[in-house]
Amino acid sequence: MNPSCGPESLGDMVLLFETEADRNQHGGAELFTFGNHDPKGGCVLLNDGTVKFTRTEAELAALCWE
């Protein structure tokens, strides 16, 4: 979970995202993993409810994290 995201945050801010297996993680893009799917990538839930499948470091960096 992105600790920078709250109820008043912009709709395109990252709220939840895939990480390595663990419980109750919170942080930013540094925790994201591309290794849970084939082809490589991971899901990101934005604050407005939109889900995106992110495949590259460039796509990940382009997301709103703060």
PDB file of N, CA and C in Angstrom:
ATOM      1  N   MET A   1       0.841  -1.163   0.000  1.00  0.00           N
ATOM      2  CA  MET A   1       0.000   0.000   0.000  1.00  0.00           C
ATOM      3  C   MET A   1       0.893   1.235   0.000  1.00  0.00           C
ATOM      4  N   ASN A   2       0.473   2.228  -0.758  1.00  0.00           N
ATOM      5  CA  ASN A   2       1.230   3.466  -0.859  1.00  0.00           C
ATOM      6  C   ASN A   2       0.832   4.394   0.292  1.00  0.00           C
ATOM      7  N   PRO A   3       1.734   4.662   1.255  1.00  0.00           N
ATOM      8  CA  PRO A   3       1.379   5.503   2.388  1.00  0.00           C
ATOM      9  C   PRO A   3       1.150   6.964   2.008  1.00  0.00           C
ATOM     10  N   SER A   4       1.563   7.365   0.822  1.00  0.00           N
ATOM     11  CA  SER A   4       1.357   8.745   0.371  1.00  0.00           C
ATOM     12  C   SER A   4      -0.050   8.972  -0.161  1.00  0.00           C
ATOM     13  N   CYS A   5      -0.808   7.903  -0.368  1.00  0.00           N
ATOM     14  CA  CYS A   5      -2.145   8.003  -0.951  1.00  0.00           C
ATOM     15  C   CYS A   5      -3.208   7.991   0.142  1.00  0.00           C
ATOM     16  N   GLY A   6      -4.103   8.955   0.079  1.00  0.00           N
ATOM     17  CA  GLY A   6      -5.197   9.037   1.036  1.00  0.00           C
ATOM     18  C   GLY A   6      -6.506   9.336   0.329  1.00  0.00           C
ATOM     19  N   PRO A   7      -7.601   9.450   1.066  1.00  0.00           N
ATOM     20  CA  PRO A   7      -8.915   9.683   0.465  1.00  0.00           C
ATOM     21  C   PRO A   7      -8.989  10.959  -0.385  1.00  0.00           C
ATOM     22  N   GLU A   8      -8.201  11.958  -0.042  1.00  0.00           N
ATOM     23  CA  GLU A   8      -8.226  13.222  -0.776  1.00  0.00           C
ATOM     24  C   GLU A   8      -7.176  13.296  -1.887  1.00  0.00           C
ATOM     25  N   SER A   9      -6.426  12.222  -2.086  1.00  0.00           N
ATOM     26  CA  SER A   9      -5.388  12.205  -3.120  1.00  0.00           C
ATOM     27  C   SER A   9      -6.011  12.192  -4.512  1.00  0.00           C
ATOM     28  N   LEU A  10      -5.208  12.560  -5.494  1.00  0.00           N
ATOM     29  CA  LEU A  10      -5.655  12.541  -6.886  1.00  0.00           C
ATOM     30  C   LEU A  10      -6.076  11.139  -7.297  1.00  0.00           C
ATOM     31  N   GLY A  11      -6.997  11.053  -8.242  1.00  0.00           N
ATOM     32  CA  GLY A  11      -7.499   9.768  -8.711  1.00  0.00           C
ATOM     33  C   GLY A  11      -6.458   8.908  -9.381  1.00  0.00           C
ATOM     34  N   ASP A  12      -5.433   9.531  -9.984  1.00  0.00           N
ATOM     35  CA  ASP A  12      -4.421   8.737 -10.694  1.00  0.00           C
ATOM     36  C   ASP A  12      -3.224   8.359  -9.820  1.00  0.00           C
ATOM     37  N   MET A  13      -3.322   8.578  -8.506  1.00  0.00           N
ATOM     38  CA  MET A  13      -2.234   8.185  -7.600  1.00  0.00           C
ATOM     39  C   MET A  13      -2.320   6.691  -7.291  1.00  0.00           C
ATOM     40  N   VAL A  14      -1.171   6.035  -7.227  1.00  0.00           N
ATOM     41  CA  VAL A  14      -1.106   4.610  -6.893  1.00  0.00           C
ATOM     42  C   VAL A  14      -1.569   4.412  -5.453  1.00  0.00           C
ATOM     43  N   LEU A  15      -2.521   3.495  -5.261  1.00  0.00           N
ATOM     44  CA  LEU A  15      -3.012   3.141  -3.925  1.00  0.00           C
ATOM     45  C   LEU A  15      -2.437   1.786  -3.494  1.00  0.00           C
ATOM     46  N   LEU A  16      -2.691   0.750  -4.296  1.00  0.00           N
ATOM     47  CA  LEU A  16      -2.200  -0.609  -4.021  1.00  0.00           C
ATOM     48  C   LEU A  16      -1.425  -1.116  -5.223  1.00  0.00           C
ATOM     49  N   PHE A  17      -0.483  -2.025  -4.961  1.00  0.00           N
ATOM     50  CA  PHE A  17       0.337  -2.568  -6.043  1.00  0.00           C
ATOM     51  C   PHE A  17       0.920  -3.893  -5.617  1.00  0.00           C
ATOM     52  N   GLU A  18       1.374  -4.671  -6.591  1.00  0.00           N
ATOM     53  CA  GLU A  18       1.942  -5.988  -6.305  1.00  0.00           C
ATOM     54  C   GLU A  18       3.359  -5.885  -5.763  1.00  0.00           C
ATOM     55  N   THR A  19       3.638  -6.741  -4.761  1.00  0.00           N
ATOM     56  CA  THR A  19       4.971  -6.836  -4.181  1.00  0.00           C
ATOM     57  C   THR A  19       5.349  -8.309  -4.076  1.00  0.00           C
ATOM     58  N   GLU A  20       6.549  -8.563  -3.584  1.00  0.00           N
ATOM     59  CA  GLU A  20       6.928  -9.933  -3.257  1.00  0.00           C
ATOM     60  C   GLU A  20       6.031 -10.397  -2.113  1.00  0.00           C
ATOM     61  N   ALA A  21       5.933 -11.699  -1.920  1.00  0.00           N
ATOM     62  CA  ALA A  21       5.075 -12.257  -0.879  1.00  0.00           C
ATOM     63  C   ALA A  21       5.504 -11.768   0.498  1.00  0.00           C
ATOM     64  N   ASP A  22       4.604 -11.125   1.190  1.00  0.00           N
ATOM     65  CA  ASP A  22       4.795 -10.661   2.558  1.00  0.00           C
ATOM     66  C   ASP A  22       3.484 -10.018   2.987  1.00  0.00           C
ATOM     67  N   ARG A  23       3.359  -9.702   4.256  1.00  0.00           N
ATOM     68  CA  ARG A  23       2.115  -9.131   4.758  1.00  0.00           C
ATOM     69  C   ARG A  23       2.316  -7.684   5.165  1.00  0.00           C
ATOM     70  N   ASN A  24       1.263  -6.893   4.954  1.00  0.00           N
ATOM     71  CA  ASN A  24       1.196  -5.525   5.462  1.00  0.00           C
ATOM     72  C   ASN A  24       2.355  -4.642   5.018  1.00  0.00           C
ATOM     73  N   GLN A  25       2.751  -4.772   3.765  1.00  0.00           N
ATOM     74  CA  GLN A  25       3.811  -3.913   3.254  1.00  0.00           C
ATOM     75  C   GLN A  25       3.231  -2.564   2.872  1.00  0.00           C
ATOM     76  N   HIS A  26       4.008  -1.521   3.091  1.00  0.00           N
ATOM     77  CA  HIS A  26       3.632  -0.204   2.588  1.00  0.00           C
ATOM     78  C   HIS A  26       4.908   0.516   2.196  1.00  0.00           C
ATOM     79  N   GLY A  27       4.822   1.242   1.110  1.00  0.00           N
ATOM     80  CA  GLY A  27       5.979   1.942   0.573  1.00  0.00           C
ATOM     81  C   GLY A  27       5.677   2.401  -0.836  1.00  0.00           C
ATOM     82  N   GLY A  28       6.712   2.574  -1.612  1.00  0.00           N
ATOM     83  CA  GLY A  28       6.557   3.082  -2.963  1.00  0.00           C
ATOM     84  C   GLY A  28       7.004   2.091  -4.020  1.00  0.00           C
ATOM     85  N   ALA A  29       7.399   2.645  -5.145  1.00  0.00           N
ATOM     86  CA  ALA A  29       7.762   1.843  -6.316  1.00  0.00           C
ATOM     87  C   ALA A  29       8.888   0.855  -6.039  1.00  0.00           C
ATOM     88  N   GLU A  30       9.702   1.125  -5.016  1.00  0.00           N
ATOM     89  CA  GLU A  30      10.818   0.227  -4.704  1.00  0.00           C
ATOM     90  C   GLU A  30      10.352  -1.160  -4.277  1.00  0.00           C
ATOM     91  N   LEU A  31       9.107  -1.302  -3.842  1.00  0.00           N
ATOM     92  CA  LEU A  31       8.554  -2.596  -3.422  1.00  0.00           C
ATOM     93  C   LEU A  31       7.854  -3.353  -4.552  1.00  0.00           C
ATOM     94  N   PHE A  32       7.579  -2.669  -5.658  1.00  0.00           N
ATOM     95  CA  PHE A  32       6.852  -3.277  -6.773  1.00  0.00           C
ATOM     96  C   PHE A  32       7.647  -4.439  -7.366  1.00  0.00           C
ATOM     97  N   THR A  33       6.938  -5.500  -7.758  1.00  0.00           N
ATOM     98  CA  THR A  33       7.592  -6.627  -8.424  1.00  0.00           C
ATOM     99  C   THR A  33       6.963  -6.882  -9.790  1.00  0.00           C
ATOM    100  N   PHE A  34       7.820  -7.212 -10.733  1.00  0.00           N
ATOM    101  CA  PHE A  34       7.374  -7.597 -12.075  1.00  0.00           C
ATOM    102  C   PHE A  34       7.300  -9.113 -12.205  1.00  0.00           C
ATOM    103  N   GLY A  35       7.652  -9.860 -11.152  1.00  0.00           N
ATOM    104  CA  GLY A  35       7.826 -11.300 -11.258  1.00  0.00           C
ATOM    105  C   GLY A  35       6.629 -12.175 -10.947  1.00  0.00           C
ATOM    106  N   ASN A  36       5.453 -11.625 -10.725  1.00  0.00           N
ATOM    107  CA  ASN A  36       4.299 -12.454 -10.359  1.00  0.00           C
ATOM    108  C   ASN A  36       3.494 -12.972 -11.551  1.00  0.00           C
ATOM    109  N   HIS A  37       3.813 -12.553 -12.764  1.00  0.00           N
ATOM    110  CA  HIS A  37       3.013 -12.918 -13.937  1.00  0.00           C
ATOM    111  C   HIS A  37       3.901 -13.338 -15.100  1.00  0.00           C
ATOM    112  N   ASP A  38       3.317 -14.028 -16.036  1.00  0.00           N
ATOM    113  CA  ASP A  38       3.966 -14.385 -17.292  1.00  0.00           C
ATOM    114  C   ASP A  38       3.007 -14.028 -18.409  1.00  0.00           C
ATOM    115  N   PRO A  39       3.242 -12.987 -19.218  1.00  0.00           N
ATOM    116  CA  PRO A  39       4.486 -12.232 -19.311  1.00  0.00           C
ATOM    117  C   PRO A  39       4.707 -11.350 -18.092  1.00  0.00           C
ATOM    118  N   LYS A  40       5.968 -10.966 -17.918  1.00  0.00           N
ATOM    119  CA  LYS A  40       6.398 -10.182 -16.781  1.00  0.00           C
ATOM    120  C   LYS A  40       5.581  -8.905 -16.617  1.00  0.00           C
ATOM    121  N   GLY A  41       5.236  -8.566 -15.391  1.00  0.00           N
ATOM    122  CA  GLY A  41       4.508  -7.337 -15.094  1.00  0.00           C
ATOM    123  C   GLY A  41       3.789  -7.453 -13.777  1.00  0.00           C
ATOM    124  N   GLY A  42       3.032  -6.419 -13.429  1.00  0.00           N
ATOM    125  CA  GLY A  42       2.289  -6.430 -12.184  1.00  0.00           C
ATOM    126  C   GLY A  42       1.125  -5.459 -12.220  1.00  0.00           C
ATOM    127  N   CYS A  43       0.148  -5.703 -11.371  1.00  0.00           N
ATOM    128  CA  CYS A  43      -1.052  -4.874 -11.309  1.00  0.00           C
ATOM    129  C   CYS A  43      -0.874  -3.737 -10.312  1.00  0.00           C
ATOM    130  N   VAL A  44      -1.475  -2.607 -10.674  1.00  0.00           N
ATOM    131  CA  VAL A  44      -1.468  -1.413  -9.844  1.00  0.00           C
ATOM    132  C   VAL A  44      -2.910  -0.922  -9.749  1.00  0.00           C
ATOM    133  N   LEU A  45      -3.384  -0.637  -8.540  1.00  0.00           N
ATOM    134  CA  LEU A  45      -4.709  -0.064  -8.326  1.00  0.00           C
ATOM    135  C   LEU A  45      -4.542   1.414  -8.031  1.00  0.00           C
ATOM    136  N   LEU A  46      -5.181   2.246  -8.845  1.00  0.00           N
ATOM    137  CA  LEU A  46      -5.127   3.685  -8.634  1.00  0.00           C
ATOM    138  C   LEU A  46      -6.230   4.118  -7.679  1.00  0.00           C
ATOM    139  N   ASN A  47      -6.117   5.295  -7.128  1.00  0.00           N
ATOM    140  CA  ASN A  47      -7.044   5.801  -6.124  1.00  0.00           C
ATOM    141  C   ASN A  47      -8.479   5.921  -6.648  1.00  0.00           C
ATOM    142  N   ASP A  48      -8.657   6.063  -7.966  1.00  0.00           N
ATOM    143  CA  ASP A  48     -10.004   6.163  -8.539  1.00  0.00           C
ATOM    144  C   ASP A  48     -10.616   4.804  -8.886  1.00  0.00           C
ATOM    145  N   GLY A  49      -9.919   3.714  -8.567  1.00  0.00           N
ATOM    146  CA  GLY A  49     -10.427   2.371  -8.828  1.00  0.00           C
ATOM    147  C   GLY A  49      -9.933   1.747 -10.112  1.00  0.00           C
ATOM    148  N   THR A  50      -9.199   2.480 -10.915  1.00  0.00           N
ATOM    149  CA  THR A  50      -8.639   1.958 -12.155  1.00  0.00           C
ATOM    150  C   THR A  50      -7.521   0.970 -11.838  1.00  0.00           C
ATOM    151  N   VAL A  51      -7.478  -0.144 -12.580  1.00  0.00           N
ATOM    152  CA  VAL A  51      -6.399  -1.114 -12.439  1.00  0.00           C
ATOM    153  C   VAL A  51      -5.574  -1.091 -13.716  1.00  0.00           C
ATOM    154  N   LYS A  52      -4.246  -1.023 -13.554  1.00  0.00           N
ATOM    155  CA  LYS A  52      -3.336  -1.034 -14.702  1.00  0.00           C
ATOM    156  C   LYS A  52      -2.363  -2.191 -14.549  1.00  0.00           C
ATOM    157  N   PHE A  53      -2.018  -2.809 -15.682  1.00  0.00           N
ATOM    158  CA  PHE A  53      -0.985  -3.835 -15.696  1.00  0.00           C
ATOM    159  C   PHE A  53       0.287  -3.169 -16.195  1.00  0.00           C
ATOM    160  N   THR A  54       1.288  -3.091 -15.344  1.00  0.00           N
ATOM    161  CA  THR A  54       2.533  -2.384 -15.640  1.00  0.00           C
ATOM    162  C   THR A  54       3.596  -3.397 -16.037  1.00  0.00           C
ATOM    163  N   ARG A  55       4.238  -3.170 -17.191  1.00  0.00           N
ATOM    164  CA  ARG A  55       5.187  -4.155 -17.718  1.00  0.00           C
ATOM    165  C   ARG A  55       6.639  -3.713 -17.693  1.00  0.00           C
ATOM    166  N   THR A  56       6.885  -2.406 -17.602  1.00  0.00           N
ATOM    167  CA  THR A  56       8.272  -1.929 -17.698  1.00  0.00           C
ATOM    168  C   THR A  56       8.589  -0.941 -16.579  1.00  0.00           C
ATOM    169  N   GLU A  57       9.879  -0.750 -16.350  1.00  0.00           N
ATOM    170  CA  GLU A  57      10.335   0.246 -15.371  1.00  0.00           C
ATOM    171  C   GLU A  57       9.870   1.642 -15.769  1.00  0.00           C
ATOM    172  N   ALA A  58       9.850   1.936 -17.080  1.00  0.00           N
ATOM    173  CA  ALA A  58       9.409   3.251 -17.549  1.00  0.00           C
ATOM    174  C   ALA A  58       7.928   3.480 -17.220  1.00  0.00           C
ATOM    175  N   GLU A  59       7.086   2.465 -17.419  1.00  0.00           N
ATOM    176  CA  GLU A  59       5.667   2.590 -17.062  1.00  0.00           C
ATOM    177  C   GLU A  59       5.506   2.792 -15.563  1.00  0.00           C
ATOM    178  N   LEU A  60       6.284   2.078 -14.775  1.00  0.00           N
ATOM    179  CA  LEU A  60       6.221   2.189 -13.323  1.00  0.00           C
ATOM    180  C   LEU A  60       6.619   3.598 -12.878  1.00  0.00           C
ATOM    181  N   ALA A  61       7.688   4.130 -13.448  1.00  0.00           N
ATOM    182  CA  ALA A  61       8.174   5.462 -13.083  1.00  0.00           C
ATOM    183  C   ALA A  61       7.197   6.558 -13.494  1.00  0.00           C
ATOM    184  N   ALA A  62       6.393   6.320 -14.530  1.00  0.00           N
ATOM    185  CA  ALA A  62       5.447   7.322 -15.006  1.00  0.00           C
ATOM    186  C   ALA A  62       4.198   7.440 -14.119  1.00  0.00           C
ATOM    187  N   LEU A  63       3.997   6.485 -13.218  1.00  0.00           N
ATOM    188  CA  LEU A  63       2.824   6.516 -12.335  1.00  0.00           C
ATOM    189  C   LEU A  63       3.009   7.554 -11.235  1.00  0.00           C
ATOM    190  N   CYS A  64       1.903   8.073 -10.719  1.00  0.00           N
ATOM    191  CA  CYS A  64       1.908   9.072  -9.654  1.00  0.00           C
ATOM    192  C   CYS A  64       2.010   8.353  -8.303  1.00  0.00           C
ATOM    193  N   TRP A  65       3.144   8.511  -7.625  1.00  0.00           N
ATOM    194  CA  TRP A  65       3.381   7.841  -6.335  1.00  0.00           C
ATOM    195  C   TRP A  65       3.281   8.800  -5.152  1.00  0.00           C
ATOM    196  N   GLU A  66       3.432  10.111  -5.385  1.00  0.00           N
ATOM    197  CA  GLU A  66       3.356  11.096  -4.293  1.00  0.00           C
ATOM    198  C   GLU A  66       2.510  12.274  -4.687  1.00  0.00           C
TER     199      GLU A  66
END
